[in-house]
C-alpha atoms as a PDB file:
ATOM      1  CA  MET A   1      28.979  -6.681   4.949  1.00  0.00           C
ATOM      2  CA  SER A   2      27.613 -10.153   4.456  1.00  0.00           C
ATOM      3  CA  GLN A   3      23.991  -9.139   4.002  1.00  0.00           C
ATOM      4  CA  SER A   4      22.307  -6.361   2.064  1.00  0.00           C
ATOM      5  CA  LEU A   5      18.845  -4.970   2.574  1.00  0.00           C
ATOM      6  CA  ALA A   6      16.652  -3.252   0.015  1.00  0.00           C
ATOM      7  CA  LYS A   7      13.242  -1.740   0.644  1.00  0.00           C
ATOM      8  CA  VAL A   8      11.731  -0.139  -2.435  1.00  0.00           C
ATOM      9  CA  CYS A   9       8.405   1.630  -2.028  1.00  0.00           C
ATOM     10  CA  THR A  10       6.480   2.296  -5.221  1.00  0.00           C
ATOM     11  CA  HIS A  11       3.601   4.672  -5.826  1.00  0.00           C
ATOM     12  CA  ILE A  12       1.522   3.321  -8.716  1.00  0.00           C
ATOM     13  CA  VAL A  13      -1.113   5.533 -10.350  1.00  0.00           C
ATOM     14  CA  PHE A  14      -3.288   4.526 -13.279  1.00  0.00           C
ATOM     15  CA  SER A  15      -6.638   5.609 -14.672  1.00  0.00           C
ATOM     16  CA  THR A  16      -9.696   3.986 -16.142  1.00  0.00           C
ATOM     17  CA  LYS A  17      -9.960   3.836 -19.917  1.00  0.00           C
ATOM     18  CA  TYR A  18     -10.675   7.330 -21.275  1.00  0.00           C
ATOM     19  CA  ARG A  19     -10.841   8.473 -17.636  1.00  0.00           C
ATOM     20  CA  GLN A  20     -14.398   7.156 -17.387  1.00  0.00           C
ATOM     21  CA  PRO A  21     -15.855   7.484 -13.860  1.00  0.00           C
ATOM     22  CA  LEU A  22     -16.294   3.727 -13.367  1.00  0.00           C
ATOM     23  CA  ILE A  23     -15.271   3.409  -9.717  1.00  0.00           C
ATOM     24  CA  ASP A  24     -18.293   4.298  -7.639  1.00  0.00           C
ATOM     25  CA  ASP A  25     -19.180   3.768  -3.977  1.00  0.00           C
ATOM     26  CA  LYS A  26     -20.740   0.378  -4.724  1.00  0.00           C
ATOM     27  CA  ILE A  27     -17.444  -1.237  -5.679  1.00  0.00           C
ATOM     28  CA  GLU A  28     -14.735   1.079  -4.364  1.00  0.00           C
ATOM     29  CA  ASN A  29     -13.829  -0.772  -1.141  1.00  0.00           C
ATOM     30  CA  GLU A  30     -14.051  -4.185  -2.759  1.00  0.00           C
ATOM     31  CA  LEU A  31     -11.857  -3.044  -5.660  1.00  0.00           C
ATOM     32  CA  HIS A  32      -9.238  -1.635  -3.304  1.00  0.00           C
ATOM     33  CA  ARG A  33      -9.139  -4.907  -1.334  1.00  0.00           C
ATOM     34  CA  TYR A  34      -8.828  -6.837  -4.607  1.00  0.00           C
ATOM     35  CA  LEU A  35      -5.897  -4.684  -5.746  1.00  0.00           C
ATOM     36  CA  GLY A  36      -4.189  -5.164  -2.383  1.00  0.00           C
ATOM     37  CA  GLY A  37      -4.687  -8.908  -2.810  1.00  0.00           C
ATOM     38  CA  ILE A  38      -2.953  -8.832  -6.191  1.00  0.00           C
ATOM     39  CA  CYS A  39       0.018  -7.074  -4.581  1.00  0.00           C
ATOM     40  CA  ASN A  40       0.116  -9.674  -1.809  1.00  0.00           C
ATOM     41  CA  LYS A  41      -0.016 -12.504  -4.348  1.00  0.00           C
ATOM     42  CA  PHE A  42       3.277 -11.247  -5.783  1.00  0.00           C
ATOM     43  CA  GLU A  43       4.777 -10.679  -2.307  1.00  0.00           C
ATOM     44  CA  CYS A  44       4.523  -6.899  -2.581  1.00  0.00           C
ATOM     45  CA  ILE A  45       3.204  -5.403   0.633  1.00  0.00           C
ATOM     46  CA  PRO A  46       0.372  -2.913   0.028  1.00  0.00           C
ATOM     47  CA  ILE A  47       0.666   0.060   2.360  1.00  0.00           C
ATOM     48  CA  GLN A  48      -2.282   2.054   1.008  1.00  0.00           C
ATOM     49  CA  VAL A  49      -4.734   1.536  -1.866  1.00  0.00           C
ATOM     50  CA  GLY A  50      -7.097   4.323  -2.824  1.00  0.00           C
ATOM     51  CA  GLY A  51      -8.155   6.630  -5.582  1.00  0.00           C
ATOM     52  CA  TYR A  52     -11.131   8.385  -7.062  1.00  0.00           C
ATOM     53  CA  VAL A  53     -13.888   7.585  -9.566  1.00  0.00           C
ATOM     54  CA  ASP A  54     -11.494   7.580 -12.521  1.00  0.00           C
ATOM     55  CA  HIS A  55      -8.089   6.544 -11.154  1.00  0.00           C
ATOM     56  CA  ILE A  56      -6.275   4.355  -8.628  1.00  0.00           C
ATOM     57  CA  HIS A  57      -3.302   4.938  -6.330  1.00  0.00           C
ATOM     58  CA  ILE A  58      -1.335   2.040  -4.848  1.00  0.00           C
ATOM     59  CA  LEU A  59       1.561   2.499  -2.458  1.00  0.00           C
ATOM     60  CA  CYS A  60       3.398  -0.761  -1.907  1.00  0.00           C
ATOM     61  CA  VAL A  61       6.737  -2.205  -0.882  1.00  0.00           C
ATOM     62  CA  MET A  62       8.153  -4.089  -3.859  1.00  0.00           C
ATOM     63  CA  SER A  63       9.247  -7.692  -3.620  1.00  0.00           C
ATOM     64  CA  ARG A  64      12.715  -8.577  -4.885  1.00  0.00           C
ATOM     65  CA  LYS A  65      11.085 -11.397  -6.882  1.00  0.00           C
ATOM     66  CA  ILE A  66       9.071  -9.289  -9.359  1.00  0.00           C
ATOM     67  CA  SER A  67       9.811  -6.292 -11.550  1.00  0.00           C
ATOM     68  CA  ILE A  68       7.711  -3.150 -11.418  1.00  0.00           C
ATOM     69  CA  MET A  69       6.716  -3.696 -15.045  1.00  0.00           C
ATOM     70  CA  LYS A  70       5.430  -7.219 -14.323  1.00  0.00           C
ATOM     71  CA  LEU A  71       3.510  -6.071 -11.225  1.00  0.00           C
ATOM     72  CA  LEU A  72       1.860  -3.256 -13.215  1.00  0.00           C
ATOM     73  CA  GLU A  73       0.956  -5.686 -15.987  1.00  0.00           C
ATOM     74  CA  GLU A  74      -0.695  -8.063 -13.525  1.00  0.00           C
ATOM     75  CA  ILE A  75      -2.524  -5.310 -11.629  1.00  0.00           C
ATOM     76  CA  LYS A  76      -3.932  -3.691 -14.772  1.00  0.00           C
ATOM     77  CA  LYS A  77      -4.837  -6.997 -16.453  1.00  0.00           C
ATOM     78  CA  ASN A  78      -6.600  -8.433 -13.411  1.00  0.00           C
ATOM     79  CA  SER A  79      -8.313  -5.209 -12.326  1.00  0.00           C
ATOM     80  CA  SER A  80      -9.659  -4.653 -15.846  1.00  0.00           C
ATOM     81  CA  ARG A  81     -11.111  -8.167 -15.886  1.00  0.00           C
ATOM     82  CA  TRP A  82     -12.513  -7.692 -12.380  1.00  0.00           C
ATOM     83  CA  ILE A  83     -14.243  -4.384 -13.138  1.00  0.00           C
ATOM     84  CA  LYS A  84     -15.807  -5.766 -16.331  1.00  0.00           C
ATOM     85  CA  THR A  85     -17.187  -8.708 -14.332  1.00  0.00           C
ATOM     86  CA  LYS A  86     -18.551  -6.379 -11.648  1.00  0.00           C
ATOM     87  CA  GLY A  87     -20.205  -4.262 -14.333  1.00  0.00           C
ATOM     88  CA  LYS A  88     -22.442  -7.177 -15.183  1.00  0.00           C
ATOM     89  CA  GLU A  89     -23.503  -7.480 -11.534  1.00  0.00           C
ATOM     90  CA  TYR A  90     -24.443  -3.796 -11.215  1.00  0.00           C
ATOM     91  CA  GLU A  91     -27.012  -2.851 -13.832  1.00  0.00           C
ATOM     92  CA  GLY A  92     -25.923   0.065 -15.979  1.00  0.00           C
ATOM     93  CA  PHE A  93     -22.464   0.123 -14.456  1.00  0.00           C
ATOM     94  CA  TYR A  94     -20.287  -0.777 -17.430  1.00  0.00           C
END
């Protein structure tokens, strides 16, 4: 065989700090789109992004160019920054 093909799907689950219910209806859809955008930035194809008030689920196809550890680092770092910024926009949110 001259060519090999790999398709690795990853289910990522992580929670808010201390499982605080920070993800409400006001920001949920926007947050999910933002997380999908982070995946796309690193050439990982988001299949489904969802979750609940205190945790996130991301199902994506991994790129061969990034490790799972690096993708998780980027997702958690950027989403934490994003949610803290949004907290300032919504009074009493964060």
